[in-house]
Protein backbone atom coordinates (compact mmCIF):
# COMPACT_ATOMS: atom_id res chain seq x y z
CA UNK A 1 -10.98 -13.86 14.91
CA UNK A 2 -7.33 -14.62 14.32
CA UNK A 3 -5.47 -12.81 11.58
CA UNK A 4 -2.39 -14.71 10.52
CA UNK A 5 0.10 -12.45 8.80
CA UNK A 6 3.82 -11.97 8.62
CA UNK A 7 6.94 -12.34 6.58
CA UNK A 8 8.28 -15.63 5.26
CA UNK A 9 11.06 -16.84 3.04
CA UNK A 10 10.41 -18.89 -0.10
CA UNK A 11 12.79 -20.70 -2.42
CA UNK A 12 12.18 -19.27 -5.85
CA UNK A 13 14.77 -21.16 -7.93
CA UNK A 14 17.16 -24.10 -7.71
CA UNK A 15 20.17 -24.42 -10.03
CA UNK A 16 22.93 -26.98 -10.52
CA UNK A 17 26.40 -25.68 -11.26
CA UNK A 18 29.01 -28.20 -12.44
CA UNK A 19 31.95 -25.88 -13.18
CA UNK A 20 33.11 -25.23 -9.62
CA UNK A 21 34.74 -27.66 -7.23
CA UNK A 22 34.15 -27.81 -3.51
CA UNK A 23 37.08 -26.54 -1.42
CA UNK A 24 36.31 -29.16 1.27
CA UNK A 25 35.97 -32.44 -0.70
CA UNK A 26 37.20 -31.41 -4.17
CA UNK A 27 34.20 -32.84 -6.05
CA UNK A 28 32.50 -30.93 -8.85
CA UNK A 29 28.83 -30.13 -8.66
CA UNK A 30 27.19 -27.62 -6.41
CA UNK A 31 23.56 -26.63 -5.83
CA UNK A 32 22.51 -23.02 -5.86
CA UNK A 33 19.19 -22.14 -4.22
CA UNK A 34 17.79 -18.62 -4.50
CA UNK A 35 15.41 -17.35 -1.80
CA UNK A 36 13.24 -14.28 -1.39
CA UNK A 37 11.14 -12.89 1.47
CA UNK A 38 7.46 -12.06 1.02
CA UNK A 39 4.60 -10.78 3.12
CA UNK A 40 1.62 -13.08 3.62
CA UNK A 41 -1.89 -12.90 5.01
CA UNK A 42 -3.47 -16.22 6.07
CA UNK A 43 -0.47 -17.91 4.37
CA UNK A 44 -1.44 -16.33 1.05
CA UNK A 45 1.57 -14.53 -0.41
CA UNK A 46 0.79 -10.87 -0.93
CA UNK A 47 3.96 -9.36 -2.35
CA UNK A 48 7.68 -10.16 -2.45
CA UNK A 49 9.97 -7.85 -0.49
CA UNK A 50 13.67 -7.36 -0.12
CA UNK A 51 16.27 -8.81 -2.43
CA UNK A 52 17.08 -12.30 -3.66
CA UNK A 53 19.53 -14.31 -1.57
CA UNK A 54 21.54 -17.21 -2.99
CA UNK A 55 22.92 -20.11 -0.95
CA UNK A 56 25.50 -22.44 -2.46
CA UNK A 57 26.11 -25.99 -1.17
CA UNK A 58 28.23 -28.88 -2.31
CA UNK A 59 26.18 -31.81 -3.65
CA UNK A 60 28.69 -34.34 -2.25
CA UNK A 61 29.56 -33.18 1.30
CA UNK A 62 26.77 -30.61 1.88
CA UNK A 63 29.13 -27.86 2.98
CA UNK A 64 28.11 -24.26 2.28
CA UNK A 65 30.36 -22.49 -0.23
CA UNK A 66 30.93 -18.75 -0.33
CA UNK A 67 31.43 -17.32 -3.80
CA UNK A 68 30.33 -13.72 -4.24
CA UNK A 69 30.51 -13.78 -8.05
CA UNK A 70 28.32 -16.89 -8.42
CA UNK A 71 25.87 -15.72 -5.75
CA UNK A 72 25.47 -12.31 -7.43
CA UNK A 73 25.02 -13.88 -10.87
CA UNK A 74 22.23 -16.20 -9.76
CA UNK A 75 20.55 -13.64 -7.51
CA UNK A 76 20.20 -11.35 -10.54
CA UNK A 77 19.16 -14.21 -12.83
CA UNK A 78 16.31 -15.52 -10.64
CA UNK A 79 12.94 -13.76 -10.88
CA UNK A 80 10.17 -14.03 -8.29
CA UNK A 81 7.49 -16.49 -9.46
CA UNK A 82 3.97 -15.27 -10.11
CA UNK A 83 2.49 -17.09 -7.11
CA UNK A 84 4.29 -14.67 -4.79
CA UNK A 85 2.05 -11.96 -6.26
CA UNK A 86 -1.16 -13.92 -5.52
CA UNK A 87 -2.49 -11.31 -3.08
CA UNK A 88 -2.01 -8.49 -5.57
CA UNK A 89 -3.59 -10.56 -8.36
CA UNK A 90 -6.59 -11.43 -6.16
CA UNK A 91 -7.01 -7.80 -5.08
CA UNK A 92 -6.88 -6.55 -8.68
CA UNK A 93 -9.31 -9.30 -9.73
CA UNK A 94 -11.73 -8.25 -7.00
CA UNK A 95 -11.51 -4.58 -8.04
CA UNK A 96 -12.02 -5.50 -11.72
CA UNK A 97 -15.03 -7.64 -10.83
CA UNK A 98 -16.53 -4.83 -8.75
CA UNK A 99 -16.09 -2.31 -11.59
CA UNK A 100 -17.55 -4.73 -14.14
CA UNK A 101 -20.49 -5.51 -11.87
CA UNK A 102 -21.13 -1.79 -11.30
CA UNK A 103 -21.25 -1.11 -15.06
CA UNK A 104 -23.60 -4.06 -15.53
CA UNK A 105 -25.92 -2.78 -12.78
CA UNK A 106 -25.91 0.73 -14.27
CA UNK A 107 -26.93 -0.66 -17.68
CA UNK A 108 -29.74 -2.72 -16.13
CA UNK A 109 -30.98 0.30 -14.17
CA UNK A 110 -30.92 2.49 -17.28
CA UNK A 111 -32.91 -0.14 -19.19
CA UNK A 112 -35.37 -0.42 -16.28
CA UNK A 113 -35.93 3.36 -16.21
CA UNK A 114 -36.27 3.68 -20.01
CA UNK A 115 -39.02 1.07 -20.25
CA UNK A 116 -41.29 1.27 -17.18
CA UNK A 117 -43.93 -1.39 -16.63
CA UNK A 118 -47.04 -1.19 -14.46
CA UNK A 119 -46.18 -2.39 -10.96
CA UNK A 120 -42.50 -1.33 -11.09
CA UNK A 121 -41.21 0.16 -7.85
CA UNK A 122 -38.44 2.78 -7.92
CA UNK A 123 -36.33 4.06 -5.05
CA UNK A 124 -36.13 7.86 -5.08
CA UNK A 125 -33.46 9.92 -3.33
CA UNK A 126 -34.40 13.41 -2.18
CA UNK A 127 -32.00 15.99 -0.72
CA UNK A 128 -33.38 18.64 1.64
CA UNK A 129 -31.17 20.97 3.70
CA UNK A 130 -28.14 18.69 3.29
CA UNK A 131 -30.15 15.71 4.54
CA UNK A 132 -30.86 12.81 2.21
CA UNK A 133 -34.20 11.01 2.34
CA UNK A 134 -35.31 7.93 0.44
CA UNK A 135 -38.80 6.82 -0.48
CA UNK A 136 -40.40 4.44 -2.95
CA UNK A 137 -42.42 5.22 -6.03
CA UNK A 138 -44.74 2.66 -7.69
CA UNK A 139 -46.11 2.91 -11.23
CA UNK A 140 -49.81 2.10 -11.20
CA UNK A 141 -50.91 2.75 -14.77
CA UNK A 142 -49.27 3.67 -18.09
CA UNK A 143 -51.24 5.00 -21.04
CA UNK A 144 -49.23 6.39 -23.95
CA UNK A 145 -46.84 9.03 -22.62
CA UNK A 146 -48.75 9.43 -19.36
CA UNK A 147 -48.21 7.41 -16.25
CA UNK A 148 -49.95 7.35 -12.90
CA UNK A 149 -47.76 6.61 -9.90
CA UNK A 150 -47.98 6.47 -6.11
CA UNK A 151 -45.27 7.24 -3.59
CA UNK A 152 -44.73 5.43 -0.31
CA UNK A 153 -45.97 7.06 2.87
CA UNK A 154 -42.64 6.74 4.72
CA UNK A 155 -39.44 8.63 4.05
CA UNK A 156 -36.29 6.83 5.14
CA UNK A 157 -33.31 8.84 6.39
CA UNK A 158 -30.81 6.20 5.34
CA UNK A 159 -30.32 4.12 2.21
CA UNK A 160 -32.83 1.30 2.02
CA UNK A 161 -33.92 -1.18 -0.61
CA UNK A 162 -36.88 -2.78 1.22
CA UNK A 163 -40.25 -1.43 2.19
CA UNK A 164 -41.02 -1.40 5.91
CA UNK A 165 -44.03 -3.43 7.11
CA UNK A 166 -45.82 -0.19 8.01
CA UNK A 167 -45.07 1.41 4.63
CA UNK A 168 -47.77 1.58 1.96
CA UNK A 169 -48.32 3.53 -1.26
CA UNK A 170 -50.27 6.77 -0.91
CA UNK A 171 -52.54 7.80 -3.81
CA UNK A 172 -52.40 11.53 -3.00
């Protein structure tokens, strides 16, 4: 699998400035473009890095103009657009979704445990001598506050959510 990552430059703003003349052709009107580097993964911008960089060009002759005061002013004025934070936004969205989904599952599990129904199967975790075992527990009959249940005959030494083909519920 190829992982495409790296650092790229993006233009974040474009301004027109009519108050300065070009030293080469004398015409008024220059373009100021502000750039910023960002890291990307699969061409998806993750986060902007470094500082803003302004480039000034004459609109008439295309010559690059050096003016520290104008460059500094527009570098400070330009802010990185939100799309350059897409990776961070996606990551935070994924984390938020996972947290929300976990709370939802916990509520469903609590409701399931509070109101058992005949035929429900529960996964039980048992710790013995710092070793964790899992087995299943099936409710066979409920009468008032009493319930009759069977446990599975196999104990699993790793997390599982499916019964094995050779597993069955033992009445003992």
